[in-house]
């Protein structure tokens, strides 16, 4: 993998995520974010990995950032809503 290829880091993170290797996925997404901090999809994907680890606050922060970067990114709203639901914050879940 080229150290400057954001897409490769993001794709590798997805592979780790699908294997349930959430820490490795997060580390890989961190690399992608360092290279390009303006990709909503990477924050969304890292947020999903944080959900997998059970760290809902970090997940919500990543979904917030994804939405800030792309206010029309429906997947981030869906995942953030699910995270709020898991935190029993039903009104925010419904809003999303």
PDB file of N, CA and C in Angstrom:
ATOM      1  N   UNK A   1       0.850  -1.179   0.000  1.00  0.00           N
ATOM      2  CA  UNK A   1       0.000   0.000   0.000  1.00  0.00           C
ATOM      3  C   UNK A   1       0.894   1.240   0.000  1.00  0.00           C
ATOM      4  N   UNK A   2       0.574   2.177  -0.836  1.00  0.00           N
ATOM      5  CA  UNK A   2       1.298   3.445  -0.870  1.00  0.00           C
ATOM      6  C   UNK A   2       0.896   4.272   0.351  1.00  0.00           C
ATOM      7  N   UNK A   3       1.862   4.863   1.025  1.00  0.00           N
ATOM      8  CA  UNK A   3       1.519   5.636   2.223  1.00  0.00           C
ATOM      9  C   UNK A   3       0.697   6.887   1.937  1.00  0.00           C
ATOM     10  N   UNK A   4       0.474   7.226   0.682  1.00  0.00           N
ATOM     11  CA  UNK A   4      -0.314   8.414   0.356  1.00  0.00           C
ATOM     12  C   UNK A   4      -1.664   8.061  -0.258  1.00  0.00           C
ATOM     13  N   UNK A   5      -2.010   6.820  -0.287  1.00  0.00           N
ATOM     14  CA  UNK A   5      -3.245   6.401  -0.950  1.00  0.00           C
ATOM     15  C   UNK A   5      -4.384   6.273   0.061  1.00  0.00           C
ATOM     16  N   UNK A   6      -5.173   7.332   0.181  1.00  0.00           N
ATOM     17  CA  UNK A   6      -6.267   7.386   1.149  1.00  0.00           C
ATOM     18  C   UNK A   6      -7.281   6.274   0.883  1.00  0.00           C
ATOM     19  N   UNK A   7      -7.604   6.054  -0.374  1.00  0.00           N
ATOM     20  CA  UNK A   7      -8.582   5.016  -0.703  1.00  0.00           C
ATOM     21  C   UNK A   7      -8.117   3.637  -0.251  1.00  0.00           C
ATOM     22  N   UNK A   8      -6.835   3.362  -0.412  1.00  0.00           N
ATOM     23  CA  UNK A   8      -6.310   2.059   0.023  1.00  0.00           C
ATOM     24  C   UNK A   8      -6.415   1.901   1.540  1.00  0.00           C
ATOM     25  N   UNK A   9      -6.087   2.949   2.266  1.00  0.00           N
ATOM     26  CA  UNK A   9      -6.229   2.882   3.727  1.00  0.00           C
ATOM     27  C   UNK A   9      -7.695   2.667   4.105  1.00  0.00           C
ATOM     28  N   UNK A  10      -8.571   3.390   3.457  1.00  0.00           N
ATOM     29  CA  UNK A  10      -9.993   3.255   3.761  1.00  0.00           C
ATOM     30  C   UNK A  10     -10.480   1.841   3.446  1.00  0.00           C
ATOM     31  N   UNK A  11     -10.081   1.311   2.301  1.00  0.00           N
ATOM     32  CA  UNK A  11     -10.483  -0.053   1.927  1.00  0.00           C
ATOM     33  C   UNK A  11      -9.917  -1.086   2.887  1.00  0.00           C
ATOM     34  N   UNK A  12      -8.672  -0.903   3.302  1.00  0.00           N
ATOM     35  CA  UNK A  12      -8.072  -1.826   4.270  1.00  0.00           C
ATOM     36  C   UNK A  12      -8.826  -1.753   5.597  1.00  0.00           C
ATOM     37  N   UNK A  13      -9.223  -0.559   5.987  1.00  0.00           N
ATOM     38  CA  UNK A  13     -10.006  -0.405   7.213  1.00  0.00           C
ATOM     39  C   UNK A  13     -11.323  -1.151   7.133  1.00  0.00           C
ATOM     40  N   UNK A  14     -11.957  -1.105   5.980  1.00  0.00           N
ATOM     41  CA  UNK A  14     -13.212  -1.842   5.782  1.00  0.00           C
ATOM     42  C   UNK A  14     -12.968  -3.338   5.947  1.00  0.00           C
ATOM     43  N   UNK A  15     -11.876  -3.835   5.398  1.00  0.00           N
ATOM     44  CA  UNK A  15     -11.562  -5.269   5.531  1.00  0.00           C
ATOM     45  C   UNK A  15     -11.364  -5.649   6.996  1.00  0.00           C
ATOM     46  N   UNK A  16     -10.622  -4.839   7.731  1.00  0.00           N
ATOM     47  CA  UNK A  16     -10.435  -5.107   9.161  1.00  0.00           C
ATOM     48  C   UNK A  16     -11.778  -5.069   9.890  1.00  0.00           C
ATOM     49  N   UNK A  17     -12.585  -4.081   9.566  1.00  0.00           N
ATOM     50  CA  UNK A  17     -13.893  -3.946  10.199  1.00  0.00           C
ATOM     51  C   UNK A  17     -14.739  -5.196   9.956  1.00  0.00           C
ATOM     52  N   UNK A  18     -14.759  -5.662   8.729  1.00  0.00           N
ATOM     53  CA  UNK A  18     -15.569  -6.838   8.386  1.00  0.00           C
ATOM     54  C   UNK A  18     -15.096  -8.092   9.106  1.00  0.00           C
ATOM     55  N   UNK A  19     -13.828  -8.130   9.482  1.00  0.00           N
ATOM     56  CA  UNK A  19     -13.280  -9.263  10.234  1.00  0.00           C
ATOM     57  C   UNK A  19     -13.486  -9.103  11.742  1.00  0.00           C
ATOM     58  N   UNK A  20     -14.043  -7.960  12.146  1.00  0.00           N
ATOM     59  CA  UNK A  20     -14.217  -7.694  13.575  1.00  0.00           C
ATOM     60  C   UNK A  20     -12.955  -7.205  14.251  1.00  0.00           C
ATOM     61  N   UNK A  21     -11.963  -6.814  13.471  1.00  0.00           N
ATOM     62  CA  UNK A  21     -10.699  -6.299  14.005  1.00  0.00           C
ATOM     63  C   UNK A  21     -10.796  -4.773  14.095  1.00  0.00           C
ATOM     64  N   UNK A  22     -11.568  -4.325  15.062  1.00  0.00           N
ATOM     65  CA  UNK A  22     -11.925  -2.917  15.147  1.00  0.00           C
ATOM     66  C   UNK A  22     -10.745  -2.011  15.467  1.00  0.00           C
ATOM     67  N   UNK A  23      -9.841  -2.447  16.328  1.00  0.00           N
ATOM     68  CA  UNK A  23      -8.677  -1.614  16.644  1.00  0.00           C
ATOM     69  C   UNK A  23      -7.816  -1.389  15.405  1.00  0.00           C
ATOM     70  N   UNK A  24      -7.584  -2.445  14.637  1.00  0.00           N
ATOM     71  CA  UNK A  24      -6.809  -2.299  13.399  1.00  0.00           C
ATOM     72  C   UNK A  24      -7.545  -1.421  12.398  1.00  0.00           C
ATOM     73  N   UNK A  25      -8.854  -1.572  12.323  1.00  0.00           N
ATOM     74  CA  UNK A  25      -9.639  -0.731  11.418  1.00  0.00           C
ATOM     75  C   UNK A  25      -9.490   0.734  11.812  1.00  0.00           C
ATOM     76  N   UNK A  26      -9.610   1.029  13.089  1.00  0.00           N
ATOM     77  CA  UNK A  26      -9.501   2.414  13.565  1.00  0.00           C
ATOM     78  C   UNK A  26      -8.117   2.977  13.257  1.00  0.00           C
ATOM     79  N   UNK A  27      -7.069   2.199  13.498  1.00  0.00           N
ATOM     80  CA  UNK A  27      -5.711   2.655  13.188  1.00  0.00           C
ATOM     81  C   UNK A  27      -5.564   2.967  11.706  1.00  0.00           C
ATOM     82  N   UNK A  28      -6.155   2.140  10.868  1.00  0.00           N
ATOM     83  CA  UNK A  28      -6.062   2.341   9.429  1.00  0.00           C
ATOM     84  C   UNK A  28      -6.855   3.565   8.998  1.00  0.00           C
ATOM     85  N   UNK A  29      -8.057   3.749   9.557  1.00  0.00           N
ATOM     86  CA  UNK A  29      -8.827   4.952   9.259  1.00  0.00           C
ATOM     87  C   UNK A  29      -8.102   6.200   9.752  1.00  0.00           C
ATOM     88  N   UNK A  30      -7.424   6.094  10.893  1.00  0.00           N
ATOM     89  CA  UNK A  30      -6.634   7.229  11.387  1.00  0.00           C
ATOM     90  C   UNK A  30      -5.598   7.659  10.349  1.00  0.00           C
ATOM     91  N   UNK A  31      -4.944   6.688   9.716  1.00  0.00           N
ATOM     92  CA  UNK A  31      -3.962   6.989   8.670  1.00  0.00           C
ATOM     93  C   UNK A  31      -4.629   7.729   7.508  1.00  0.00           C
ATOM     94  N   UNK A  32      -5.786   7.234   7.092  1.00  0.00           N
ATOM     95  CA  UNK A  32      -6.510   7.874   5.991  1.00  0.00           C
ATOM     96  C   UNK A  32      -6.892   9.304   6.356  1.00  0.00           C
ATOM     97  N   UNK A  33      -7.336   9.514   7.581  1.00  0.00           N
ATOM     98  CA  UNK A  33      -7.746  10.849   8.029  1.00  0.00           C
ATOM     99  C   UNK A  33      -6.549  11.784   8.093  1.00  0.00           C
ATOM    100  N   UNK A  34      -5.388  11.280   8.500  1.00  0.00           N
ATOM    101  CA  UNK A  34      -4.184  12.119   8.508  1.00  0.00           C
ATOM    102  C   UNK A  34      -3.846  12.601   7.094  1.00  0.00           C
ATOM    103  N   UNK A  35      -4.055  11.719   6.121  1.00  0.00           N
ATOM    104  CA  UNK A  35      -3.758  12.083   4.733  1.00  0.00           C
ATOM    105  C   UNK A  35      -4.797  13.025   4.137  1.00  0.00           C
ATOM    106  N   UNK A  36      -6.064  12.819   4.499  1.00  0.00           N
ATOM    107  CA  UNK A  36      -7.132  13.685   3.997  1.00  0.00           C
ATOM    108  C   UNK A  36      -8.221  13.787   5.055  1.00  0.00           C
ATOM    109  N   UNK A  37      -8.185  14.851   5.849  1.00  0.00           N
ATOM    110  CA  UNK A  37      -9.162  15.009   6.934  1.00  0.00           C
ATOM    111  C   UNK A  37     -10.537  15.492   6.477  1.00  0.00           C
ATOM    112  N   UNK A  38     -10.768  15.534   5.169  1.00  0.00           N
ATOM    113  CA  UNK A  38     -12.024  16.080   4.661  1.00  0.00           C
ATOM    114  C   UNK A  38     -12.919  15.052   3.978  1.00  0.00           C
ATOM    115  N   UNK A  39     -12.684  13.765   4.213  1.00  0.00           N
ATOM    116  CA  UNK A  39     -13.513  12.717   3.606  1.00  0.00           C
ATOM    117  C   UNK A  39     -14.536  12.207   4.614  1.00  0.00           C
ATOM    118  N   UNK A  40     -15.774  12.521   4.367  1.00  0.00           N
ATOM    119  CA  UNK A  40     -16.849  12.103   5.280  1.00  0.00           C
ATOM    120  C   UNK A  40     -16.915  10.590   5.421  1.00  0.00           C
ATOM    121  N   UNK A  41     -16.681   9.862   4.346  1.00  0.00           N
ATOM    122  CA  UNK A  41     -16.801   8.398   4.390  1.00  0.00           C
ATOM    123  C   UNK A  41     -15.831   7.784   5.390  1.00  0.00           C
ATOM    124  N   UNK A  42     -14.645   8.344   5.514  1.00  0.00           N
ATOM    125  CA  UNK A  42     -13.664   7.773   6.442  1.00  0.00           C
ATOM    126  C   UNK A  42     -14.103   7.966   7.887  1.00  0.00           C
ATOM    127  N   UNK A  43     -14.635   9.126   8.206  1.00  0.00           N
ATOM    128  CA  UNK A  43     -15.155   9.345   9.563  1.00  0.00           C
ATOM    129  C   UNK A  43     -16.345   8.430   9.827  1.00  0.00           C
ATOM    130  N   UNK A  44     -17.191   8.267   8.834  1.00  0.00           N
ATOM    131  CA  UNK A  44     -18.341   7.376   8.980  1.00  0.00           C
ATOM    132  C   UNK A  44     -17.869   5.944   9.252  1.00  0.00           C
ATOM    133  N   UNK A  45     -16.890   5.498   8.500  1.00  0.00           N
ATOM    134  CA  UNK A  45     -16.387   4.135   8.675  1.00  0.00           C
ATOM    135  C   UNK A  45     -15.696   3.959  10.028  1.00  0.00           C
ATOM    136  N   UNK A  46     -14.912   4.961  10.430  1.00  0.00           N
ATOM    137  CA  UNK A  46     -14.261   4.848  11.739  1.00  0.00           C
ATOM    138  C   UNK A  46     -15.304   4.857  12.846  1.00  0.00           C
ATOM    139  N   UNK A  47     -16.357   5.648  12.667  1.00  0.00           N
ATOM    140  CA  UNK A  47     -17.446   5.644  13.643  1.00  0.00           C
ATOM    141  C   UNK A  47     -18.070   4.267  13.779  1.00  0.00           C
ATOM    142  N   UNK A  48     -18.245   3.579  12.663  1.00  0.00           N
ATOM    143  CA  UNK A  48     -18.793   2.219  12.706  1.00  0.00           C
ATOM    144  C   UNK A  48     -17.875   1.285  13.483  1.00  0.00           C
ATOM    145  N   UNK A  49     -16.571   1.452  13.313  1.00  0.00           N
ATOM    146  CA  UNK A  49     -15.620   0.616  14.057  1.00  0.00           C
ATOM    147  C   UNK A  49     -15.703   0.914  15.552  1.00  0.00           C
ATOM    148  N   UNK A  50     -15.871   2.184  15.903  1.00  0.00           N
ATOM    149  CA  UNK A  50     -16.043   2.521  17.326  1.00  0.00           C
ATOM    150  C   UNK A  50     -17.333   1.903  17.882  1.00  0.00           C
ATOM    151  N   UNK A  51     -18.380   1.876  17.086  1.00  0.00           N
ATOM    152  CA  UNK A  51     -19.605   1.197  17.526  1.00  0.00           C
ATOM    153  C   UNK A  51     -19.296  -0.273  17.788  1.00  0.00           C
ATOM    154  N   UNK A  52     -18.550  -0.895  16.891  1.00  0.00           N
ATOM    155  CA  UNK A  52     -18.178  -2.297  17.068  1.00  0.00           C
ATOM    156  C   UNK A  52     -17.440  -2.539  18.376  1.00  0.00           C
ATOM    157  N   UNK A  53     -16.640  -1.580  18.794  1.00  0.00           N
ATOM    158  CA  UNK A  53     -15.914  -1.677  20.067  1.00  0.00           C
ATOM    159  C   UNK A  53     -16.778  -1.314  21.258  1.00  0.00           C
ATOM    160  N   UNK A  54     -17.961  -0.726  20.990  1.00  0.00           N
ATOM    161  CA  UNK A  54     -18.830  -0.311  22.081  1.00  0.00           C
ATOM    162  C   UNK A  54     -18.548   1.095  22.577  1.00  0.00           C
ATOM    163  N   UNK A  55     -17.729   1.853  21.866  1.00  0.00           N
ATOM    164  CA  UNK A  55     -17.408   3.219  22.261  1.00  0.00           C
ATOM    165  C   UNK A  55     -18.331   4.175  21.499  1.00  0.00           C
ATOM    166  N   UNK A  56     -19.540   4.310  22.011  1.00  0.00           N
ATOM    167  CA  UNK A  56     -20.572   5.071  21.310  1.00  0.00           C
ATOM    168  C   UNK A  56     -20.284   6.563  21.267  1.00  0.00           C
ATOM    169  N   UNK A  57     -19.636   7.100  22.282  1.00  0.00           N
ATOM    170  CA  UNK A  57     -19.347   8.536  22.276  1.00  0.00           C
ATOM    171  C   UNK A  57     -18.366   8.898  21.161  1.00  0.00           C
ATOM    172  N   UNK A  58     -17.318   8.104  20.995  1.00  0.00           N
ATOM    173  CA  UNK A  58     -16.382   8.360  19.901  1.00  0.00           C
ATOM    174  C   UNK A  58     -17.055   8.127  18.555  1.00  0.00           C
ATOM    175  N   UNK A  59     -17.913   7.133  18.486  1.00  0.00           N
ATOM    176  CA  UNK A  59     -18.635   6.862  17.247  1.00  0.00           C
ATOM    177  C   UNK A  59     -19.500   8.054  16.868  1.00  0.00           C
ATOM    178  N   UNK A  60     -20.240   8.564  17.825  1.00  0.00           N
ATOM    179  CA  UNK A  60     -21.115   9.712  17.555  1.00  0.00           C
ATOM    180  C   UNK A  60     -20.299  10.920  17.125  1.00  0.00           C
ATOM    181  N   UNK A  61     -19.149  11.140  17.750  1.00  0.00           N
ATOM    182  CA  UNK A  61     -18.286  12.259  17.354  1.00  0.00           C
ATOM    183  C   UNK A  61     -17.839  12.105  15.895  1.00  0.00           C
ATOM    184  N   UNK A  62     -17.518  10.880  15.482  1.00  0.00           N
ATOM    185  CA  UNK A  62     -17.131  10.659  14.090  1.00  0.00           C
ATOM    186  C   UNK A  62     -18.306  10.839  13.142  1.00  0.00           C
ATOM    187  N   UNK A  63     -19.467  10.367  13.518  1.00  0.00           N
ATOM    188  CA  UNK A  63     -20.647  10.574  12.669  1.00  0.00           C
ATOM    189  C   UNK A  63     -20.975  12.068  12.574  1.00  0.00           C
ATOM    190  N   UNK A  64     -20.814  12.789  13.681  1.00  0.00           N
ATOM    191  CA  UNK A  64     -21.011  14.243  13.663  1.00  0.00           C
ATOM    192  C   UNK A  64     -20.080  14.893  12.638  1.00  0.00           C
ATOM    193  N   UNK A  65     -18.817  14.482  12.655  1.00  0.00           N
ATOM    194  CA  UNK A  65     -17.835  15.059  11.726  1.00  0.00           C
ATOM    195  C   UNK A  65     -18.188  14.702  10.281  1.00  0.00           C
ATOM    196  N   UNK A  66     -18.601  13.485  10.038  1.00  0.00           N
ATOM    197  CA  UNK A  66     -19.000  13.088   8.685  1.00  0.00           C
ATOM    198  C   UNK A  66     -20.160  13.950   8.195  1.00  0.00           C
ATOM    199  N   UNK A  67     -21.117  14.191   9.071  1.00  0.00           N
ATOM    200  CA  UNK A  67     -22.279  15.015   8.710  1.00  0.00           C
ATOM    201  C   UNK A  67     -21.874  16.473   8.512  1.00  0.00           C
ATOM    202  N   UNK A  68     -20.950  16.940   9.321  1.00  0.00           N
ATOM    203  CA  UNK A  68     -20.452  18.310   9.155  1.00  0.00           C
ATOM    204  C   UNK A  68     -19.792  18.462   7.777  1.00  0.00           C
ATOM    205  N   UNK A  69     -19.022  17.468   7.369  1.00  0.00           N
ATOM    206  CA  UNK A  69     -18.352  17.521   6.078  1.00  0.00           C
ATOM    207  C   UNK A  69     -19.317  17.355   4.905  1.00  0.00           C
ATOM    208  N   UNK A  70     -20.351  16.535   5.113  1.00  0.00           N
ATOM    209  CA  UNK A  70     -21.330  16.281   4.048  1.00  0.00           C
ATOM    210  C   UNK A  70     -22.715  16.180   4.673  1.00  0.00           C
ATOM    211  N   UNK A  71     -23.428  17.300   4.786  1.00  0.00           N
ATOM    212  CA  UNK A  71     -24.733  17.305   5.447  1.00  0.00           C
ATOM    213  C   UNK A  71     -25.793  16.429   4.782  1.00  0.00           C
ATOM    214  N   UNK A  72     -25.540  15.934   3.594  1.00  0.00           N
ATOM    215  CA  UNK A  72     -26.499  15.073   2.908  1.00  0.00           C
ATOM    216  C   UNK A  72     -26.103  13.597   2.975  1.00  0.00           C
ATOM    217  N   UNK A  73     -25.145  13.264   3.819  1.00  0.00           N
ATOM    218  CA  UNK A  73     -24.636  11.889   3.914  1.00  0.00           C
ATOM    219  C   UNK A  73     -25.570  11.056   4.797  1.00  0.00           C
ATOM    220  N   UNK A  74     -26.540  10.426   4.157  1.00  0.00           N
ATOM    221  CA  UNK A  74     -27.610   9.716   4.864  1.00  0.00           C
ATOM    222  C   UNK A  74     -27.092   8.587   5.750  1.00  0.00           C
ATOM    223  N   UNK A  75     -26.067   7.865   5.298  1.00  0.00           N
ATOM    224  CA  UNK A  75     -25.549   6.747   6.098  1.00  0.00           C
ATOM    225  C   UNK A  75     -25.043   7.214   7.462  1.00  0.00           C
ATOM    226  N   UNK A  76     -24.448   8.386   7.503  1.00  0.00           N
ATOM    227  CA  UNK A  76     -23.943   8.893   8.779  1.00  0.00           C
ATOM    228  C   UNK A  76     -25.088   9.214   9.735  1.00  0.00           C
ATOM    229  N   UNK A  77     -26.180   9.775   9.205  1.00  0.00           N
ATOM    230  CA  UNK A  77     -27.349  10.026  10.049  1.00  0.00           C
ATOM    231  C   UNK A  77     -27.929   8.706  10.568  1.00  0.00           C
ATOM    232  N   UNK A  78     -28.009   7.728   9.689  1.00  0.00           N
ATOM    233  CA  UNK A  78     -28.552   6.423  10.076  1.00  0.00           C
ATOM    234  C   UNK A  78     -27.714   5.785  11.180  1.00  0.00           C
ATOM    235  N   UNK A  79     -26.405   5.788  10.989  1.00  0.00           N
ATOM    236  CA  UNK A  79     -25.524   5.165  11.985  1.00  0.00           C
ATOM    237  C   UNK A  79     -25.493   5.956  13.287  1.00  0.00           C
ATOM    238  N   UNK A  80     -25.535   7.286  13.174  1.00  0.00           N
ATOM    239  CA  UNK A  80     -25.568   8.088  14.400  1.00  0.00           C
ATOM    240  C   UNK A  80     -26.874   7.848  15.149  1.00  0.00           C
ATOM    241  N   UNK A  81     -27.965   7.750  14.413  1.00  0.00           N
ATOM    242  CA  UNK A  81     -29.246   7.453  15.047  1.00  0.00           C
ATOM    243  C   UNK A  81     -29.226   6.120  15.770  1.00  0.00           C
ATOM    244  N   UNK A  82     -28.610   5.130  15.153  1.00  0.00           N
ATOM    245  CA  UNK A  82     -28.497   3.808  15.792  1.00  0.00           C
ATOM    246  C   UNK A  82     -27.643   3.892  17.054  1.00  0.00           C
ATOM    247  N   UNK A  83     -26.575   4.683  17.008  1.00  0.00           N
ATOM    248  CA  UNK A  83     -25.725   4.848  18.197  1.00  0.00           C
ATOM    249  C   UNK A  83     -26.493   5.541  19.323  1.00  0.00           C
ATOM    250  N   UNK A  84     -27.264   6.575  18.971  1.00  0.00           N
ATOM    251  CA  UNK A  84     -28.096   7.219  19.992  1.00  0.00           C
ATOM    252  C   UNK A  84     -29.121   6.235  20.561  1.00  0.00           C
ATOM    253  N   UNK A  85     -29.681   5.418  19.701  1.00  0.00           N
ATOM    254  CA  UNK A  85     -30.637   4.401  20.163  1.00  0.00           C
ATOM    255  C   UNK A  85     -29.963   3.471  21.167  1.00  0.00           C
ATOM    256  N   UNK A  86     -28.746   3.045  20.848  1.00  0.00           N
ATOM    257  CA  UNK A  86     -28.009   2.151  21.756  1.00  0.00           C
ATOM    258  C   UNK A  86     -27.700   2.825  23.088  1.00  0.00           C
ATOM    259  N   UNK A  87     -27.635   4.153  23.076  1.00  0.00           N
ATOM    260  CA  UNK A  87     -27.411   4.897  24.321  1.00  0.00           C
ATOM    261  C   UNK A  87     -28.725   5.236  25.023  1.00  0.00           C
ATOM    262  N   UNK A  88     -29.834   4.727  24.495  1.00  0.00           N
ATOM    263  CA  UNK A  88     -31.171   5.006  25.027  1.00  0.00           C
ATOM    264  C   UNK A  88     -31.549   6.474  24.914  1.00  0.00           C
ATOM    265  N   UNK A  89     -30.965   7.174  23.956  1.00  0.00           N
ATOM    266  CA  UNK A  89     -31.302   8.567  23.688  1.00  0.00           C
ATOM    267  C   UNK A  89     -32.251   8.564  22.492  1.00  0.00           C
ATOM    268  N   UNK A  90     -33.473   8.200  22.783  1.00  0.00           N
ATOM    269  CA  UNK A  90     -34.441   7.921  21.709  1.00  0.00           C
ATOM    270  C   UNK A  90     -34.864   9.167  20.933  1.00  0.00           C
ATOM    271  N   UNK A  91     -34.934  10.311  21.575  1.00  0.00           N
ATOM    272  CA  UNK A  91     -35.348  11.508  20.845  1.00  0.00           C
ATOM    273  C   UNK A  91     -34.298  11.890  19.794  1.00  0.00           C
ATOM    274  N   UNK A  92     -33.023  11.794  20.134  1.00  0.00           N
ATOM    275  CA  UNK A  92     -31.985  12.072  19.136  1.00  0.00           C
ATOM    276  C   UNK A  92     -31.970  10.997  18.055  1.00  0.00           C
ATOM    277  N   UNK A  93     -32.212   9.773  18.439  1.00  0.00           N
ATOM    278  CA  UNK A  93     -32.271   8.688  17.457  1.00  0.00           C
ATOM    279  C   UNK A  93     -33.374   8.945  16.450  1.00  0.00           C
ATOM    280  N   UNK A  94     -34.524   9.356  16.944  1.00  0.00           N
ATOM    281  CA  UNK A  94     -35.663   9.643  16.057  1.00  0.00           C
ATOM    282  C   UNK A  94     -35.339  10.827  15.147  1.00  0.00           C
ATOM    283  N   UNK A  95     -34.696  11.857  15.701  1.00  0.00           N
ATOM    284  CA  UNK A  95     -34.322  13.022  14.892  1.00  0.00           C
ATOM    285  C   UNK A  95     -33.443  12.631  13.714  1.00  0.00           C
ATOM    286  N   UNK A  96     -32.484  11.756  13.977  1.00  0.00           N
ATOM    287  CA  UNK A  96     -31.596  11.321  12.888  1.00  0.00           C
ATOM    288  C   UNK A  96     -32.295  10.429  11.914  1.00  0.00           C
TER     289      UNK A  96
END
